[in-house]
Amino acid sequence: MITCTITYEIDPDQVPAFEIYAKAWIHLVNTMGGTHHGYFLPHEGANDRAWAMFSFPSLAAYEDYRTQMANDAACQRAYAHAQTTGCIRRYDRTFTRPVLSGASPEALGL
């Protein structure tokens, strides 16, 4: 499994527009074979940062998703919404692999 974390710099005056964008992408990722873990919007602290996390079974599955979304009308509408509203100033992607199961310190030889 591969998880993509996106860190956004958003326009604090456009948080409602960004939330619309976020809700669209949660739906789109889930319908295109991924598992969206949600968007995290500012509440306290910095008001221009937001995060999103979603996973795909493999990097190849993520690459298939990227190809699909480039040609998908709904995805293009979501991108257009962000451009029109200016809700996203910039973003960075990071790819990680999750560790989802734990073990006792004894079992780990600690």
Protein backbone atom coordinates (compact mmCIF):
# COMPACT_ATOMS: atom_id res chain seq x y z
CA MET A 1 0.00 0.00 0.00
CA ILE A 2 1.13 3.55 -0.74
CA THR A 3 -0.26 6.63 0.99
CA CYS A 4 -0.11 10.10 -0.48
CA THR A 5 -0.10 13.02 1.95
CA ILE A 6 -0.74 16.42 0.41
CA THR A 7 0.20 19.55 2.33
CA TYR A 8 -1.66 22.60 1.07
CA GLU A 9 -1.09 26.29 1.48
CA ILE A 10 -4.60 27.68 1.13
CA ASP A 11 -6.15 31.14 1.02
CA PRO A 12 -7.62 31.69 4.51
CA ASP A 13 -10.44 33.71 2.96
CA GLN A 14 -11.35 30.77 0.71
CA VAL A 15 -11.66 27.93 3.25
CA PRO A 16 -15.33 27.29 2.30
CA ALA A 17 -14.30 26.98 -1.38
CA PHE A 18 -11.44 24.65 -0.40
CA GLU A 19 -13.87 22.48 1.58
CA ILE A 20 -16.01 22.08 -1.55
CA TYR A 21 -12.87 21.04 -3.45
CA ALA A 22 -11.97 18.60 -0.64
CA LYS A 23 -15.38 16.93 -0.61
CA ALA A 24 -15.24 16.48 -4.39
CA TRP A 25 -11.80 14.81 -4.21
CA ILE A 26 -12.80 12.49 -1.38
CA HIS A 27 -15.59 11.21 -3.64
CA LEU A 28 -13.38 11.08 -6.75
CA VAL A 29 -10.48 9.20 -5.14
CA ASN A 30 -12.85 6.66 -3.60
CA THR A 31 -14.64 6.06 -6.91
CA MET A 32 -11.32 5.63 -8.74
CA GLY A 33 -10.04 2.78 -6.57
CA GLY A 34 -8.36 4.63 -3.73
CA THR A 35 -9.18 4.97 -0.07
CA HIS A 36 -9.43 8.59 1.03
CA HIS A 37 -8.56 9.22 4.68
CA GLY A 38 -9.93 12.75 4.68
CA TYR A 39 -8.96 16.38 4.51
CA PHE A 40 -7.83 18.27 7.58
CA LEU A 41 -8.71 21.96 7.52
CA PRO A 42 -7.48 24.79 9.74
CA HIS A 43 -9.15 25.13 13.12
CA GLU A 44 -6.61 26.69 15.48
CA GLY A 45 -3.08 27.75 14.72
CA ALA A 46 -1.98 28.48 11.17
CA ASN A 47 -5.03 29.37 9.07
CA ASP A 48 -3.41 28.75 5.69
CA ARG A 49 -2.47 25.05 6.02
CA ALA A 50 -4.52 21.98 5.20
CA TRP A 51 -3.73 18.30 4.63
CA ALA A 52 -5.19 15.35 2.79
CA MET A 53 -4.29 11.67 2.91
CA PHE A 54 -5.34 8.86 0.60
CA SER A 55 -4.03 5.40 -0.21
CA PHE A 56 -3.85 3.04 -3.15
CA PRO A 57 -2.91 -0.65 -3.08
CA SER A 58 0.34 0.06 -4.96
CA LEU A 59 2.29 2.75 -6.75
CA ALA A 60 1.10 1.24 -10.05
CA ALA A 61 -2.55 1.65 -8.91
CA TYR A 62 -1.81 5.27 -7.98
CA GLU A 63 -0.27 5.85 -11.42
CA ASP A 64 -3.40 4.35 -13.05
CA TYR A 65 -5.50 6.77 -10.99
CA ARG A 66 -3.36 9.70 -12.17
CA THR A 67 -3.94 8.65 -15.79
CA GLN A 68 -7.69 8.27 -15.22
CA MET A 69 -8.06 11.63 -13.49
CA ALA A 70 -6.23 13.48 -16.25
CA ASN A 71 -9.03 12.47 -18.63
CA ASP A 72 -11.99 12.59 -16.24
CA ALA A 73 -14.47 15.47 -16.62
CA ALA A 74 -15.41 15.51 -12.92
CA CYS A 75 -11.74 15.74 -11.91
CA GLN A 76 -11.22 18.59 -14.34
CA ARG A 77 -14.24 20.42 -12.84
CA ALA A 78 -12.71 20.06 -9.36
CA TYR A 79 -9.40 21.48 -10.61
CA ALA A 80 -11.23 24.34 -12.33
CA HIS A 81 -13.04 25.16 -9.08
CA ALA A 82 -9.71 25.51 -7.26
CA GLN A 83 -8.31 27.72 -10.02
CA THR A 84 -11.40 29.90 -10.25
CA THR A 85 -11.65 30.47 -6.50
CA GLY A 86 -7.92 30.68 -5.85
CA CYS A 87 -8.42 28.56 -2.73
CA ILE A 88 -5.10 26.72 -3.22
CA ARG A 89 -1.90 28.72 -3.28
CA ARG A 90 0.46 25.75 -3.49
CA TYR A 91 0.77 22.10 -2.48
CA ASP A 92 3.35 19.36 -1.96
CA ARG A 93 2.91 15.58 -2.18
CA THR A 94 4.70 13.03 -0.03
CA PHE A 95 4.42 9.26 -0.50
CA THR A 96 4.75 6.92 2.44
CA ARG A 97 3.94 3.34 3.37
CA PRO A 98 1.80 2.82 6.43
CA VAL A 99 2.61 0.63 9.40
CA LEU A 100 -0.83 -0.56 10.46
CA SER A 101 -0.23 -3.31 13.00
CA GLY A 102 1.47 -3.15 16.33
CA ALA A 103 3.39 -5.63 18.44
CA SER A 104 4.43 -5.77 22.07
CA PRO A 105 7.94 -4.62 22.93
CA GLU A 106 8.69 -8.21 23.99
CA ALA A 107 7.65 -9.61 20.62
CA LEU A 108 9.88 -7.04 18.95
CA GLY A 109 12.87 -8.05 21.03
CA LEU A 110 13.03 -4.79 22.95
